[in-house]
Amino acid sequence: MLLYLQEEQVRSVVQALADRFPGACLSFDTGGGAMMRNQDRNPVFKAVDARMTWTCDDPKSLEDWGLRLRESRTFATPQPDVARTWPRRHRYGMPLLARLVPPAVNSYRMNLFALEKAE
């Protein structure tokens, strides 16, 4: 749900969690500019009145917020155990699509962060 907030709101939520739960892990998705610019072309997003507003092209940049990026994945780079459950066309098609149109596939990321208390 963080994608639907403004950047300052996202930062405030993340920093509050880091202050309250230092050392815990937090998982959330990020969407880059390509994803945000194209959300009205996707029938799933187009059907929803709410619009995603927070853009994050590089999850590593969030380390300035008191986070430590532990892992970041796209649909083209899922965890091996997850990929094994996918149909063959997705297992092989997503990496191919990521090479052909990188922004379309790599803009959406699923991330795992360690929370560090802000100084």
Protein backbone atom coordinates (compact mmCIF):
# COMPACT_ATOMS: atom_id res chain seq x y z
CA MET A 1 0.00 0.00 0.00
CA LEU A 2 2.99 2.32 0.37
CA LEU A 3 2.95 2.95 -3.38
CA TYR A 4 -0.29 4.89 -2.95
CA LEU A 5 1.21 7.37 -0.47
CA GLN A 6 3.33 10.47 -1.03
CA GLU A 7 7.08 10.03 -0.52
CA GLU A 8 7.15 11.96 2.77
CA GLN A 9 4.35 9.78 4.13
CA VAL A 10 6.22 6.62 3.14
CA ARG A 11 9.38 7.90 4.76
CA SER A 12 7.51 8.76 7.96
CA VAL A 13 5.94 5.28 8.18
CA VAL A 14 9.25 3.53 7.51
CA GLN A 15 11.15 5.64 10.04
CA ALA A 16 8.45 5.07 12.69
CA LEU A 17 8.71 1.31 12.13
CA ALA A 18 12.51 1.45 12.29
CA ASP A 19 12.37 3.39 15.57
CA ARG A 20 9.84 0.99 17.09
CA PHE A 21 11.26 -2.29 15.76
CA PRO A 22 15.03 -1.86 15.23
CA GLY A 23 16.62 -4.98 13.78
CA ALA A 24 13.32 -6.33 12.43
CA CYS A 25 12.77 -7.05 8.75
CA LEU A 26 10.27 -5.24 6.59
CA SER A 27 9.14 -6.31 3.16
CA PHE A 28 7.43 -3.98 0.71
CA ASP A 29 7.25 -3.37 -2.98
CA THR A 30 8.54 -0.38 -4.90
CA GLY A 31 7.63 0.92 -8.32
CA GLY A 32 9.86 2.93 -10.59
CA GLY A 33 8.97 5.77 -12.90
CA ALA A 34 8.21 3.46 -15.85
CA MET A 35 5.60 1.64 -13.79
CA MET A 36 3.99 4.84 -12.56
CA ARG A 37 3.86 6.40 -16.02
CA ASN A 38 2.18 3.29 -17.44
CA GLN A 39 -0.31 2.39 -14.71
CA ASP A 40 -3.24 3.66 -16.80
CA ARG A 41 -2.30 1.22 -19.57
CA ASN A 42 -2.58 -1.79 -17.28
CA PRO A 43 -6.21 -3.01 -17.15
CA VAL A 44 -5.81 -4.10 -13.50
CA PHE A 45 -4.63 -0.67 -12.33
CA LYS A 46 -6.93 1.20 -14.70
CA ALA A 47 -9.96 -0.42 -13.05
CA VAL A 48 -8.99 1.03 -9.65
CA ASP A 49 -9.78 4.67 -8.87
CA ALA A 50 -6.73 5.15 -6.62
CA ARG A 51 -3.44 6.00 -8.31
CA MET A 52 0.02 5.02 -7.15
CA THR A 53 2.11 8.11 -6.51
CA TRP A 54 5.33 7.13 -4.71
CA THR A 55 8.13 6.40 -7.15
CA CYS A 56 11.30 4.55 -6.21
CA ASP A 57 13.62 3.58 -9.05
CA ASP A 58 16.34 2.21 -6.76
CA PRO A 59 15.40 0.49 -3.49
CA LYS A 60 19.02 0.83 -2.32
CA SER A 61 18.45 4.60 -2.15
CA LEU A 62 16.11 3.98 0.81
CA GLU A 63 19.09 3.10 2.99
CA ASP A 64 19.24 6.81 3.80
CA TRP A 65 15.94 6.28 5.65
CA GLY A 66 17.32 3.84 8.21
CA LEU A 67 16.89 0.70 6.14
CA ARG A 68 19.40 -1.87 4.96
CA LEU A 69 18.45 -3.56 1.70
CA ARG A 70 18.86 -7.30 2.12
CA GLU A 71 17.22 -8.50 -1.09
CA SER A 72 15.39 -7.05 -4.06
CA ARG A 73 13.64 -9.09 -6.75
CA THR A 74 11.66 -8.51 -9.92
CA PHE A 75 9.29 -10.86 -11.71
CA ALA A 76 12.26 -11.73 -13.92
CA THR A 77 14.43 -12.62 -10.89
CA PRO A 78 12.17 -14.46 -8.45
CA GLN A 79 13.52 -16.65 -5.70
CA PRO A 80 14.31 -20.11 -7.16
CA ASP A 81 11.71 -21.85 -4.96
CA VAL A 82 9.06 -19.46 -6.22
CA ALA A 83 10.12 -19.73 -9.87
CA ARG A 84 9.80 -23.52 -9.75
CA THR A 85 6.07 -23.12 -9.05
CA TRP A 86 5.47 -20.96 -12.13
CA PRO A 87 4.37 -22.25 -15.52
CA ARG A 88 7.27 -22.68 -17.93
CA ARG A 89 6.17 -19.71 -20.09
CA HIS A 90 6.54 -17.37 -17.08
CA ARG A 91 9.76 -18.94 -15.80
CA TYR A 92 11.49 -18.38 -19.13
CA GLY A 93 9.38 -15.58 -20.57
CA MET A 94 9.88 -13.02 -17.80
CA PRO A 95 13.71 -13.04 -17.98
CA LEU A 96 13.48 -12.77 -21.77
CA LEU A 97 11.01 -9.91 -21.53
CA ALA A 98 13.28 -8.18 -19.01
CA ARG A 99 16.10 -8.22 -21.57
CA LEU A 100 13.85 -6.92 -24.36
CA VAL A 101 12.04 -4.18 -22.39
CA PRO A 102 13.88 -3.75 -19.07
CA PRO A 103 11.86 -0.81 -17.70
CA ALA A 104 8.57 -2.65 -18.16
CA VAL A 105 9.69 -5.65 -16.09
CA ASN A 106 12.34 -4.25 -13.74
CA SER A 107 10.44 -1.17 -12.57
CA TYR A 108 8.39 -3.17 -10.05
CA ARG A 109 10.44 -4.70 -7.25
CA MET A 110 9.73 -6.78 -4.14
CA ASN A 111 12.20 -5.89 -1.41
CA LEU A 112 13.35 -7.11 1.96
CA PHE A 113 14.89 -4.56 4.31
CA ALA A 114 16.40 -4.71 7.78
CA LEU A 115 15.21 -1.84 9.96
CA GLU A 116 17.87 0.26 11.65
CA LYS A 117 16.99 2.86 14.23
CA ALA A 118 17.54 6.39 12.92
CA GLU A 119 20.31 8.32 14.71
